[in-house]
């Protein structure tokens, strides 16, 4: 093999292949670090297709009594669509323990929340792109929930601004049957340092008992 052929193989084939491998490795390393070091306030953007999971839609329960035994309601799995929430002309779907992709354009009920209608707090959040739902709420407003096991009404009793998510989760401490909705209220991109929280109490609907 002469000098020119060696140079052609080195510069035309080997070096481009090595460069492509390095660039690809750097790309995925940067994406990985960005997604974990600087979580976006709206997580629906990076590599979304890799996280998509089928949404579960439960069968509608026809319960006529004013009280529901908790055992009558199927245990909720992650990414279960439980119903819709309506307030001030806006509607968002309610989903239980959704992943980052399935939570887009929805109110996402946290995994450790009580059931709607049960004693305790239901904590839900929505992405910044849907924050208008929470920002439109004011004290005295009513939120209508249409669920697979019945209809509920909650009244907004307080609007709070928190600097810590754990504080937002405790906003309804002491309220028997509460519904707390939280959203990113920061003006910057990246890790949120401000949360807008609507604290609501149940005013109508079937009570869930043990």
N, C-alpha and C. Protein backbone atom coordinates (compact mmCIF):
# COMPACT_ATOMS: atom_id res chain seq x y z
N UNK A 1 0.86 -1.20 0.00
CA UNK A 1 0.00 0.00 0.00
C UNK A 1 0.89 1.24 0.00
N UNK A 2 0.69 2.14 -0.97
CA UNK A 2 1.55 3.31 -1.06
C UNK A 2 1.12 4.39 -0.07
N UNK A 3 1.91 5.42 -0.03
CA UNK A 3 1.72 6.50 0.93
C UNK A 3 0.36 7.18 0.75
N UNK A 4 -0.07 7.40 -0.50
CA UNK A 4 -1.33 8.11 -0.76
C UNK A 4 -2.55 7.30 -0.33
N UNK A 5 -2.49 5.96 -0.56
CA UNK A 5 -3.61 5.12 -0.14
C UNK A 5 -3.73 5.10 1.38
N UNK A 6 -2.58 5.02 2.07
CA UNK A 6 -2.60 5.04 3.52
C UNK A 6 -3.19 6.35 4.04
N UNK A 7 -2.78 7.44 3.43
CA UNK A 7 -3.28 8.74 3.87
C UNK A 7 -4.78 8.87 3.61
N UNK A 8 -5.24 8.31 2.44
CA UNK A 8 -6.67 8.37 2.12
C UNK A 8 -7.50 7.60 3.14
N UNK A 9 -7.04 6.39 3.50
CA UNK A 9 -7.76 5.57 4.47
C UNK A 9 -7.80 6.26 5.84
N UNK A 10 -6.65 6.86 6.20
CA UNK A 10 -6.57 7.50 7.51
C UNK A 10 -7.45 8.74 7.59
N UNK A 11 -7.33 9.61 6.57
CA UNK A 11 -8.06 10.89 6.63
C UNK A 11 -9.49 10.79 6.14
N UNK A 12 -9.77 9.85 5.24
CA UNK A 12 -11.10 9.77 4.64
C UNK A 12 -12.04 8.79 5.31
N UNK A 13 -11.50 7.83 6.05
CA UNK A 13 -12.36 6.81 6.64
C UNK A 13 -12.20 6.72 8.16
N UNK A 14 -10.98 6.49 8.64
CA UNK A 14 -10.76 6.24 10.06
C UNK A 14 -11.08 7.46 10.92
N UNK A 15 -10.52 8.60 10.54
CA UNK A 15 -10.72 9.81 11.36
C UNK A 15 -12.19 10.23 11.43
N UNK A 16 -12.94 10.25 10.31
CA UNK A 16 -14.37 10.58 10.40
C UNK A 16 -15.17 9.64 11.29
N UNK A 17 -14.85 8.34 11.23
CA UNK A 17 -15.55 7.37 12.08
C UNK A 17 -15.29 7.65 13.55
N UNK A 18 -14.03 7.88 13.89
CA UNK A 18 -13.68 8.18 15.28
C UNK A 18 -14.36 9.47 15.75
N UNK A 19 -14.36 10.48 14.88
CA UNK A 19 -14.98 11.76 15.21
C UNK A 19 -16.49 11.60 15.44
N UNK A 20 -17.13 10.78 14.60
CA UNK A 20 -18.58 10.55 14.74
C UNK A 20 -18.89 9.88 16.05
N UNK A 21 -18.09 8.90 16.45
CA UNK A 21 -18.29 8.20 17.73
C UNK A 21 -18.15 9.17 18.90
N UNK A 22 -17.13 10.01 18.85
CA UNK A 22 -16.89 10.98 19.93
C UNK A 22 -18.03 11.97 20.05
N UNK A 23 -18.48 12.52 18.90
CA UNK A 23 -19.57 13.50 18.89
C UNK A 23 -20.86 12.89 19.44
N UNK A 24 -21.15 11.65 19.02
CA UNK A 24 -22.36 10.96 19.50
C UNK A 24 -22.31 10.76 21.00
N UNK A 25 -21.16 10.32 21.50
CA UNK A 25 -21.01 10.09 22.94
C UNK A 25 -21.16 11.39 23.72
N UNK A 26 -20.58 12.46 23.21
CA UNK A 26 -20.70 13.76 23.88
C UNK A 26 -22.13 14.25 23.89
N UNK A 27 -22.84 14.06 22.78
CA UNK A 27 -24.24 14.50 22.68
C UNK A 27 -25.10 13.86 23.77
N UNK A 28 -25.02 12.54 23.89
CA UNK A 28 -25.85 11.86 24.87
C UNK A 28 -25.40 12.16 26.30
N UNK A 29 -24.12 12.40 26.50
CA UNK A 29 -23.63 12.77 27.82
C UNK A 29 -24.17 14.13 28.25
N UNK A 30 -24.18 15.08 27.31
CA UNK A 30 -24.71 16.43 27.60
C UNK A 30 -26.20 16.38 27.89
N UNK A 31 -26.97 15.62 27.06
CA UNK A 31 -28.41 15.49 27.26
C UNK A 31 -28.71 14.89 28.63
N UNK A 32 -27.95 13.85 28.98
CA UNK A 32 -28.16 13.18 30.27
C UNK A 32 -27.93 14.14 31.42
N UNK A 33 -26.84 14.90 31.36
CA UNK A 33 -26.51 15.81 32.45
C UNK A 33 -27.49 16.97 32.55
N UNK A 34 -27.93 17.48 31.41
CA UNK A 34 -28.90 18.58 31.43
C UNK A 34 -30.21 18.13 32.07
N UNK A 35 -30.66 16.94 31.68
CA UNK A 35 -31.98 16.48 32.15
C UNK A 35 -31.99 16.20 33.64
N UNK A 36 -30.82 15.86 34.24
CA UNK A 36 -30.80 15.55 35.66
C UNK A 36 -30.24 16.68 36.51
N UNK A 37 -29.32 17.45 35.97
CA UNK A 37 -28.73 18.54 36.75
C UNK A 37 -29.58 19.78 36.71
N UNK A 38 -30.21 20.07 35.58
CA UNK A 38 -31.04 21.25 35.43
C UNK A 38 -32.43 20.85 34.98
N UNK A 39 -33.24 20.27 35.88
CA UNK A 39 -34.58 19.84 35.47
C UNK A 39 -35.41 21.00 34.99
N UNK A 40 -36.04 20.82 33.84
CA UNK A 40 -36.87 21.88 33.27
C UNK A 40 -38.15 22.02 34.05
N UNK A 41 -38.68 23.25 34.13
CA UNK A 41 -39.97 23.47 34.78
C UNK A 41 -41.07 22.77 33.99
N UNK A 42 -40.84 22.57 32.71
CA UNK A 42 -41.78 21.80 31.89
C UNK A 42 -41.00 20.65 31.27
N UNK A 43 -41.16 19.45 31.82
CA UNK A 43 -40.32 18.32 31.48
C UNK A 43 -40.75 17.60 30.21
N UNK A 44 -41.63 18.20 29.44
CA UNK A 44 -42.20 17.48 28.30
C UNK A 44 -41.34 17.58 27.06
N UNK A 45 -40.06 17.96 27.20
CA UNK A 45 -39.29 18.29 26.01
C UNK A 45 -38.21 17.30 25.63
N UNK A 46 -37.38 16.85 26.57
CA UNK A 46 -36.18 16.09 26.22
C UNK A 46 -36.46 14.59 26.15
N UNK A 47 -36.17 13.99 25.01
CA UNK A 47 -36.29 12.55 24.83
C UNK A 47 -37.63 12.02 25.32
N UNK A 48 -38.71 12.73 25.02
CA UNK A 48 -40.03 12.39 25.54
C UNK A 48 -40.49 11.01 25.10
N UNK A 49 -40.20 10.63 23.86
CA UNK A 49 -40.71 9.37 23.34
C UNK A 49 -40.20 8.16 24.13
N UNK A 50 -39.05 8.31 24.78
CA UNK A 50 -38.49 7.19 25.51
C UNK A 50 -39.23 6.93 26.81
N UNK A 51 -40.05 7.88 27.27
CA UNK A 51 -40.72 7.74 28.55
C UNK A 51 -42.21 7.48 28.41
N UNK A 52 -42.71 7.42 27.21
CA UNK A 52 -44.15 7.29 27.02
C UNK A 52 -44.64 5.93 27.49
N UNK A 53 -45.71 5.95 28.29
CA UNK A 53 -46.32 4.73 28.81
C UNK A 53 -47.82 4.82 28.55
N UNK A 54 -48.42 3.68 28.30
CA UNK A 54 -49.85 3.65 28.02
C UNK A 54 -50.66 4.21 29.19
N UNK A 55 -51.64 5.06 28.88
CA UNK A 55 -52.52 5.62 29.89
C UNK A 55 -53.67 4.64 30.15
N UNK A 56 -53.94 4.39 31.42
CA UNK A 56 -55.00 3.45 31.82
C UNK A 56 -56.30 4.21 32.06
N UNK A 57 -57.38 3.73 31.46
CA UNK A 57 -58.70 4.33 31.67
C UNK A 57 -59.60 3.31 32.37
N UNK A 58 -59.93 3.53 33.65
CA UNK A 58 -60.76 2.55 34.38
C UNK A 58 -62.22 2.59 33.95
N UNK A 59 -62.91 1.51 34.24
CA UNK A 59 -64.34 1.45 33.94
C UNK A 59 -65.12 2.35 34.89
N UNK A 60 -66.20 2.95 34.38
CA UNK A 60 -67.04 3.82 35.21
C UNK A 60 -67.80 2.99 36.23
N UNK A 61 -67.80 3.46 37.48
CA UNK A 61 -68.53 2.78 38.55
C UNK A 61 -69.86 3.48 38.78
N UNK A 62 -70.93 2.72 38.82
CA UNK A 62 -72.26 3.28 39.06
C UNK A 62 -72.65 3.04 40.52
N UNK A 63 -72.26 3.99 41.38
CA UNK A 63 -72.51 3.87 42.82
C UNK A 63 -73.60 4.86 43.22
N UNK A 64 -74.67 4.36 43.76
CA UNK A 64 -75.82 5.21 44.05
C UNK A 64 -75.82 5.75 45.48
N UNK A 65 -75.16 5.09 46.40
CA UNK A 65 -75.16 5.53 47.80
C UNK A 65 -74.30 6.79 47.97
N UNK A 66 -74.51 7.48 49.11
CA UNK A 66 -73.76 8.71 49.39
C UNK A 66 -72.36 8.43 49.92
N UNK A 67 -72.12 7.20 50.32
CA UNK A 67 -70.80 6.81 50.80
C UNK A 67 -70.27 5.64 49.98
N UNK A 68 -68.96 5.63 49.81
CA UNK A 68 -68.32 4.57 49.04
C UNK A 68 -67.28 3.88 49.93
N UNK A 69 -67.38 2.58 50.04
CA UNK A 69 -66.34 1.83 50.73
C UNK A 69 -65.09 1.85 49.85
N UNK A 70 -63.95 2.15 50.46
CA UNK A 70 -62.71 2.27 49.70
C UNK A 70 -62.40 1.00 48.92
N UNK A 71 -62.79 -0.14 49.45
CA UNK A 71 -62.52 -1.42 48.80
C UNK A 71 -63.27 -1.57 47.48
N UNK A 72 -64.31 -0.74 47.28
CA UNK A 72 -65.10 -0.81 46.05
C UNK A 72 -64.39 -0.12 44.88
N UNK A 73 -63.41 0.72 45.21
CA UNK A 73 -62.67 1.44 44.17
C UNK A 73 -61.37 0.68 43.86
N UNK A 74 -61.15 0.31 42.62
CA UNK A 74 -59.93 -0.42 42.26
C UNK A 74 -58.68 0.38 42.63
N UNK A 75 -57.67 -0.34 43.09
CA UNK A 75 -56.39 0.31 43.41
C UNK A 75 -55.85 0.99 42.15
N UNK A 76 -55.46 2.25 42.29
CA UNK A 76 -54.99 3.01 41.14
C UNK A 76 -53.53 2.68 40.81
N UNK A 77 -53.28 2.42 39.55
CA UNK A 77 -51.92 2.20 39.08
C UNK A 77 -51.38 3.50 38.50
N UNK A 78 -50.08 3.58 38.35
CA UNK A 78 -49.47 4.76 37.74
C UNK A 78 -50.04 4.98 36.35
N UNK A 79 -50.21 6.24 35.98
CA UNK A 79 -50.71 6.65 34.66
C UNK A 79 -52.18 6.28 34.44
N UNK A 80 -52.97 6.29 35.54
CA UNK A 80 -54.40 6.04 35.44
C UNK A 80 -55.16 7.35 35.31
N UNK A 81 -55.97 7.47 34.26
CA UNK A 81 -56.78 8.68 34.04
C UNK A 81 -58.04 8.55 34.88
N UNK A 82 -58.17 9.41 35.90
CA UNK A 82 -59.30 9.25 36.83
C UNK A 82 -60.49 10.15 36.50
N UNK A 83 -60.30 11.19 35.69
CA UNK A 83 -61.41 12.07 35.35
C UNK A 83 -60.95 13.42 34.83
N UNK A 84 -61.78 14.44 35.05
CA UNK A 84 -61.46 15.80 34.61
C UNK A 84 -61.73 16.81 35.72
N UNK A 85 -61.06 17.94 35.64
CA UNK A 85 -61.27 19.06 36.56
C UNK A 85 -61.65 20.29 35.75
N UNK A 86 -62.72 20.97 36.18
CA UNK A 86 -63.19 22.17 35.47
C UNK A 86 -63.28 23.35 36.43
N UNK A 87 -62.81 24.50 35.96
CA UNK A 87 -62.89 25.72 36.75
C UNK A 87 -62.71 26.93 35.84
N UNK A 88 -63.56 27.93 36.01
CA UNK A 88 -63.44 29.17 35.25
C UNK A 88 -63.32 28.95 33.74
N UNK A 89 -64.10 28.01 33.23
CA UNK A 89 -64.11 27.76 31.79
C UNK A 89 -62.94 26.96 31.27
N UNK A 90 -62.07 26.49 32.16
CA UNK A 90 -60.92 25.69 31.74
C UNK A 90 -61.08 24.26 32.23
N UNK A 91 -60.58 23.33 31.45
CA UNK A 91 -60.67 21.91 31.80
C UNK A 91 -59.32 21.24 31.64
N UNK A 92 -58.94 20.46 32.63
CA UNK A 92 -57.74 19.63 32.56
C UNK A 92 -58.09 18.22 32.99
N UNK A 93 -57.48 17.24 32.34
CA UNK A 93 -57.68 15.86 32.76
C UNK A 93 -56.93 15.61 34.06
N UNK A 94 -57.49 14.72 34.88
CA UNK A 94 -56.86 14.31 36.13
C UNK A 94 -56.23 12.95 35.94
N UNK A 95 -54.95 12.84 36.23
CA UNK A 95 -54.26 11.57 36.07
C UNK A 95 -53.52 11.24 37.36
N UNK A 96 -53.43 9.97 37.68
CA UNK A 96 -52.78 9.55 38.92
C UNK A 96 -51.35 9.09 38.66
N UNK A 97 -50.42 9.70 39.39
CA UNK A 97 -49.01 9.28 39.39
C UNK A 97 -48.46 9.08 37.97
N UNK A 98 -48.64 10.10 37.14
CA UNK A 98 -48.19 10.01 35.74
C UNK A 98 -46.68 10.24 35.62
N UNK A 99 -46.09 9.69 34.57
CA UNK A 99 -44.69 10.00 34.29
C UNK A 99 -44.61 11.38 33.63
N UNK A 100 -43.40 11.81 33.31
CA UNK A 100 -43.20 13.17 32.81
C UNK A 100 -43.95 13.45 31.51
N UNK A 101 -44.08 12.44 30.68
CA UNK A 101 -44.74 12.63 29.38
C UNK A 101 -46.25 12.63 29.53
N UNK A 102 -46.79 11.64 30.23
CA UNK A 102 -48.24 11.53 30.36
C UNK A 102 -48.85 12.63 31.23
N UNK A 103 -48.02 13.35 31.98
CA UNK A 103 -48.51 14.44 32.82
C UNK A 103 -48.73 15.74 32.04
N UNK A 104 -48.28 15.78 30.80
CA UNK A 104 -48.41 16.99 29.99
C UNK A 104 -49.90 17.30 29.77
N UNK A 105 -50.27 18.57 29.97
CA UNK A 105 -51.64 19.06 29.79
C UNK A 105 -52.64 18.37 30.72
N UNK A 106 -52.16 17.99 31.90
CA UNK A 106 -53.01 17.33 32.89
C UNK A 106 -52.68 17.80 34.30
N UNK A 107 -53.62 17.55 35.22
CA UNK A 107 -53.34 17.69 36.65
C UNK A 107 -52.87 16.32 37.12
N UNK A 108 -51.68 16.27 37.64
CA UNK A 108 -51.06 15.00 38.02
C UNK A 108 -51.16 14.79 39.54
N UNK A 109 -51.97 13.81 39.96
CA UNK A 109 -52.15 13.51 41.38
C UNK A 109 -50.95 12.70 41.86
N UNK A 110 -50.35 13.13 42.96
CA UNK A 110 -49.14 12.47 43.45
C UNK A 110 -49.44 11.08 44.00
N UNK A 111 -48.42 10.25 43.97
CA UNK A 111 -48.57 8.83 44.33
C UNK A 111 -49.07 8.63 45.76
N UNK A 112 -48.66 9.50 46.69
CA UNK A 112 -49.00 9.33 48.10
C UNK A 112 -50.28 10.07 48.51
N UNK A 113 -51.02 10.58 47.55
CA UNK A 113 -52.25 11.31 47.86
C UNK A 113 -53.36 10.36 48.31
N UNK A 114 -54.31 10.93 49.04
CA UNK A 114 -55.54 10.22 49.35
C UNK A 114 -56.42 10.20 48.10
N UNK A 115 -57.45 9.36 48.11
CA UNK A 115 -58.42 9.38 47.03
C UNK A 115 -59.31 10.61 47.17
N UNK A 116 -59.76 11.14 46.05
CA UNK A 116 -60.72 12.25 46.09
C UNK A 116 -61.99 11.75 46.77
N UNK A 117 -62.40 12.43 47.83
CA UNK A 117 -63.55 12.02 48.63
C UNK A 117 -63.15 11.37 49.94
N UNK A 118 -61.88 11.00 50.06
CA UNK A 118 -61.37 10.36 51.27
C UNK A 118 -60.84 11.43 52.23
N UNK A 119 -60.87 11.12 53.53
CA UNK A 119 -60.32 12.04 54.52
C UNK A 119 -58.82 12.19 54.29
N UNK A 120 -58.36 13.43 54.24
CA UNK A 120 -56.96 13.70 53.99
C UNK A 120 -56.79 14.61 52.79
N UNK A 121 -55.56 14.70 52.29
CA UNK A 121 -55.25 15.63 51.21
C UNK A 121 -54.98 14.93 49.88
N UNK A 122 -55.54 15.50 48.84
CA UNK A 122 -55.21 15.10 47.46
C UNK A 122 -54.30 16.19 46.90
N UNK A 123 -53.08 15.83 46.57
CA UNK A 123 -52.12 16.81 46.06
C UNK A 123 -51.89 16.58 44.57
N UNK A 124 -52.13 17.61 43.79
CA UNK A 124 -51.95 17.52 42.34
C UNK A 124 -51.12 18.70 41.84
N UNK A 125 -50.45 18.51 40.74
CA UNK A 125 -49.62 19.58 40.17
C UNK A 125 -49.77 19.58 38.66
N UNK A 126 -49.43 20.70 38.06
CA UNK A 126 -49.44 20.78 36.59
C UNK A 126 -48.21 21.55 36.13
N UNK A 127 -47.84 21.31 34.89
CA UNK A 127 -46.67 21.97 34.33
C UNK A 127 -46.92 23.46 34.12
N UNK A 128 -45.85 24.17 33.94
CA UNK A 128 -45.91 25.62 33.76
C UNK A 128 -46.77 26.01 32.55
N UNK A 129 -46.74 25.18 31.50
CA UNK A 129 -47.50 25.51 30.29
C UNK A 129 -49.01 25.47 30.54
N UNK A 130 -49.44 24.80 31.62
CA UNK A 130 -50.86 24.73 31.98
C UNK A 130 -51.16 25.50 33.26
N UNK A 131 -50.24 26.35 33.68
CA UNK A 131 -50.40 27.06 34.95
C UNK A 131 -51.58 28.02 34.95
N UNK A 132 -52.10 28.36 33.76
CA UNK A 132 -53.26 29.25 33.68
C UNK A 132 -54.45 28.71 34.44
N UNK A 133 -54.56 27.38 34.53
CA UNK A 133 -55.67 26.77 35.28
C UNK A 133 -55.61 27.19 36.74
N UNK A 134 -54.42 27.13 37.33
CA UNK A 134 -54.25 27.49 38.75
C UNK A 134 -54.27 29.01 38.92
N UNK A 135 -53.63 29.72 38.00
CA UNK A 135 -53.55 31.18 38.11
C UNK A 135 -54.91 31.86 37.98
N UNK A 136 -55.87 31.17 37.35
CA UNK A 136 -57.20 31.75 37.19
C UNK A 136 -58.04 31.64 38.47
N UNK A 137 -57.59 30.79 39.40
CA UNK A 137 -58.38 30.53 40.60
C UNK A 137 -58.25 31.65 41.62
N UNK A 138 -59.34 31.92 42.31
CA UNK A 138 -59.33 32.87 43.43
C UNK A 138 -60.21 32.32 44.54
N UNK A 139 -60.08 32.87 45.72
CA UNK A 139 -60.85 32.40 46.86
C UNK A 139 -62.35 32.44 46.56
N UNK A 140 -63.03 31.34 46.85
CA UNK A 140 -64.46 31.25 46.59
C UNK A 140 -64.82 30.54 45.31
N UNK A 141 -63.87 30.38 44.40
CA UNK A 141 -64.14 29.67 43.14
C UNK A 141 -64.44 28.19 43.42
N UNK A 142 -65.23 27.60 42.53
CA UNK A 142 -65.57 26.19 42.64
C UNK A 142 -64.86 25.39 41.54
N UNK A 143 -64.37 24.23 41.92
CA UNK A 143 -63.74 23.31 40.97
C UNK A 143 -64.60 22.06 40.89
N UNK A 144 -65.05 21.72 39.69
CA UNK A 144 -65.89 20.54 39.48
C UNK A 144 -65.02 19.39 38.98
N UNK A 145 -65.13 18.26 39.68
CA UNK A 145 -64.38 17.07 39.31
C UNK A 145 -65.36 15.99 38.85
N UNK A 146 -65.15 15.50 37.66
CA UNK A 146 -65.94 14.38 37.14
C UNK A 146 -65.04 13.16 37.07
N UNK A 147 -65.28 12.20 37.97
CA UNK A 147 -64.42 11.04 38.10
C UNK A 147 -65.13 9.76 37.67
N UNK A 148 -64.38 8.70 37.54
CA UNK A 148 -64.97 7.44 37.11
C UNK A 148 -65.84 6.82 38.20
N UNK A 149 -65.75 7.35 39.43
CA UNK A 149 -66.61 6.82 40.50
C UNK A 149 -67.56 7.87 41.09
N UNK A 150 -67.69 9.03 40.44
CA UNK A 150 -68.65 10.03 40.92
C UNK A 150 -68.20 11.45 40.65
N UNK A 151 -69.08 12.40 40.91
CA UNK A 151 -68.79 13.82 40.71
C UNK A 151 -68.54 14.51 42.05
N UNK A 152 -67.62 15.46 42.04
CA UNK A 152 -67.24 16.16 43.26
C UNK A 152 -67.13 17.65 43.00
N UNK A 153 -67.26 18.41 44.08
CA UNK A 153 -67.08 19.86 44.00
C UNK A 153 -66.18 20.30 45.15
N UNK A 154 -65.22 21.13 44.82
CA UNK A 154 -64.31 21.69 45.82
C UNK A 154 -64.36 23.21 45.72
N UNK A 155 -64.20 23.86 46.85
CA UNK A 155 -64.17 25.32 46.90
C UNK A 155 -62.77 25.80 47.25
N UNK A 156 -62.28 26.78 46.52
CA UNK A 156 -60.96 27.35 46.81
C UNK A 156 -61.08 28.21 48.07
N UNK A 157 -60.29 27.89 49.09
CA UNK A 157 -60.35 28.65 50.35
C UNK A 157 -59.09 29.47 50.59
N UNK A 158 -58.05 29.22 49.81
CA UNK A 158 -56.81 29.99 50.00
C UNK A 158 -55.92 29.86 48.77
N UNK A 159 -55.21 30.92 48.47
CA UNK A 159 -54.19 30.91 47.41
C UNK A 159 -52.87 31.28 48.06
N UNK A 160 -51.87 30.45 47.89
CA UNK A 160 -50.59 30.68 48.55
C UNK A 160 -49.44 30.66 47.54
N UNK A 161 -48.36 31.32 47.91
CA UNK A 161 -47.12 31.24 47.15
C UNK A 161 -46.07 30.62 48.05
N UNK A 162 -45.46 29.54 47.60
CA UNK A 162 -44.44 28.84 48.38
C UNK A 162 -43.11 28.86 47.65
N UNK A 163 -42.05 28.82 48.41
CA UNK A 163 -40.71 28.76 47.82
C UNK A 163 -40.15 27.35 47.86
N UNK A 164 -40.88 26.45 48.47
CA UNK A 164 -40.43 25.07 48.60
C UNK A 164 -41.60 24.14 48.32
N UNK A 165 -41.37 23.09 47.54
CA UNK A 165 -42.45 22.18 47.16
C UNK A 165 -43.02 21.45 48.37
N UNK A 166 -42.17 21.12 49.33
CA UNK A 166 -42.66 20.43 50.53
C UNK A 166 -43.63 21.30 51.32
N UNK A 167 -43.41 22.63 51.29
CA UNK A 167 -44.34 23.55 51.95
C UNK A 167 -45.68 23.54 51.25
N UNK A 168 -45.64 23.51 49.93
CA UNK A 168 -46.89 23.48 49.15
C UNK A 168 -47.69 22.22 49.47
N UNK A 169 -47.00 21.11 49.64
CA UNK A 169 -47.68 19.85 49.92
C UNK A 169 -48.37 19.86 51.27
N UNK A 170 -47.91 20.73 52.18
CA UNK A 170 -48.50 20.80 53.53
C UNK A 170 -49.51 21.94 53.67
N UNK A 171 -49.84 22.58 52.56
CA UNK A 171 -50.70 23.76 52.61
C UNK A 171 -52.08 23.51 53.20
N UNK A 172 -52.56 22.27 53.09
CA UNK A 172 -53.93 21.96 53.54
C UNK A 172 -53.95 21.19 54.86
N UNK A 173 -52.86 21.19 55.58
CA UNK A 173 -52.82 20.49 56.87
C UNK A 173 -53.96 20.98 57.76
N UNK A 174 -54.71 20.05 58.35
CA UNK A 174 -55.80 20.41 59.24
C UNK A 174 -57.16 20.46 58.57
N UNK A 175 -57.20 20.35 57.25
CA UNK A 175 -58.48 20.36 56.52
C UNK A 175 -58.87 18.91 56.24
N UNK A 176 -60.11 18.55 56.60
CA UNK A 176 -60.55 17.16 56.56
C UNK A 176 -60.42 16.51 55.19
N UNK A 177 -61.10 17.05 54.22
CA UNK A 177 -61.03 16.52 52.84
C UNK A 177 -60.60 17.66 51.92
N UNK A 178 -59.32 17.67 51.60
CA UNK A 178 -58.75 18.81 50.88
C UNK A 178 -58.20 18.41 49.52
N UNK A 179 -58.06 19.42 48.68
CA UNK A 179 -57.51 19.25 47.34
C UNK A 179 -56.55 20.41 47.11
N UNK A 180 -55.29 20.09 46.93
CA UNK A 180 -54.26 21.12 46.75
C UNK A 180 -53.71 21.01 45.33
N UNK A 181 -53.74 22.13 44.61
CA UNK A 181 -53.21 22.16 43.23
C UNK A 181 -52.03 23.12 43.20
N UNK A 182 -50.92 22.65 42.68
CA UNK A 182 -49.68 23.43 42.69
C UNK A 182 -49.12 23.53 41.28
N UNK A 183 -48.49 24.67 40.99
CA UNK A 183 -47.83 24.83 39.70
C UNK A 183 -46.59 25.71 39.84
N UNK A 184 -45.70 25.60 38.90
CA UNK A 184 -44.49 26.43 38.86
C UNK A 184 -44.90 27.88 38.61
N UNK A 185 -44.46 28.77 39.49
CA UNK A 185 -44.81 30.19 39.35
C UNK A 185 -43.58 31.06 39.18
N UNK A 186 -42.44 30.44 38.86
CA UNK A 186 -41.21 31.21 38.70
C UNK A 186 -41.16 31.86 37.33
N UNK A 187 -40.36 32.90 37.22
CA UNK A 187 -40.22 33.60 35.94
C UNK A 187 -39.03 33.09 35.14
N UNK A 188 -38.23 32.24 35.77
CA UNK A 188 -37.02 31.75 35.11
C UNK A 188 -37.23 30.35 34.57
N UNK A 189 -36.26 29.90 33.77
CA UNK A 189 -36.27 28.54 33.22
C UNK A 189 -35.31 27.70 34.06
N UNK A 190 -35.71 26.47 34.35
CA UNK A 190 -34.86 25.59 35.15
C UNK A 190 -35.53 25.22 36.45
N UNK A 191 -34.73 25.07 37.49
CA UNK A 191 -35.26 24.67 38.79
C UNK A 191 -36.14 25.79 39.35
N UNK A 192 -37.38 25.43 39.71
CA UNK A 192 -38.32 26.44 40.19
C UNK A 192 -37.98 26.86 41.62
N UNK A 193 -38.15 28.16 41.89
CA UNK A 193 -37.96 28.65 43.26
C UNK A 193 -39.25 29.30 43.79
N UNK A 194 -40.35 29.07 43.06
CA UNK A 194 -41.62 29.63 43.51
C UNK A 194 -42.78 28.78 42.98
N UNK A 195 -43.71 28.47 43.87
CA UNK A 195 -44.86 27.65 43.51
C UNK A 195 -46.15 28.37 43.90
N UNK A 196 -47.10 28.36 42.99
CA UNK A 196 -48.42 28.91 43.26
C UNK A 196 -49.33 27.75 43.64
N UNK A 197 -49.99 27.89 44.78
CA UNK A 197 -50.77 26.78 45.33
C UNK A 197 -52.18 27.22 45.65
N UNK A 198 -53.15 26.44 45.16
CA UNK A 198 -54.56 26.67 45.48
C UNK A 198 -55.00 25.60 46.48
N UNK A 199 -55.50 26.04 47.62
CA UNK A 199 -55.96 25.13 48.67
C UNK A 199 -57.48 25.07 48.61
N UNK A 200 -58.02 23.88 48.50
CA UNK A 200 -59.47 23.71 48.33
C UNK A 200 -60.03 22.73 49.35
N UNK A 201 -61.31 22.87 49.65
CA UNK A 201 -61.98 21.92 50.54
C UNK A 201 -63.19 21.33 49.81
N UNK A 202 -63.50 20.09 50.12
CA UNK A 202 -64.63 19.40 49.48
C UNK A 202 -65.95 19.96 49.99
N UNK A 203 -66.83 20.28 49.05
CA UNK A 203 -68.16 20.80 49.40
C UNK A 203 -69.29 19.90 48.92
N UNK A 204 -68.98 18.99 48.01
CA UNK A 204 -70.03 18.09 47.51
C UNK A 204 -69.38 16.85 46.90
N UNK A 205 -70.05 15.71 47.07
CA UNK A 205 -69.54 14.47 46.49
C UNK A 205 -69.67 13.32 47.47
N UNK A 206 -69.44 12.11 46.99
CA UNK A 206 -69.56 10.91 47.80
C UNK A 206 -68.35 10.75 48.72
N UNK A 207 -68.63 10.52 49.99
CA UNK A 207 -67.57 10.33 50.98
C UNK A 207 -67.03 8.91 50.87
N UNK A 208 -65.72 8.79 50.88
CA UNK A 208 -65.08 7.48 50.84
C UNK A 208 -64.69 7.08 52.26
N UNK A 209 -65.15 5.90 52.68
CA UNK A 209 -64.87 5.40 54.02
C UNK A 209 -64.07 4.10 53.94
N UNK A 210 -63.48 3.74 55.06
CA UNK A 210 -62.68 2.50 55.13
C UNK A 210 -63.59 1.27 55.14
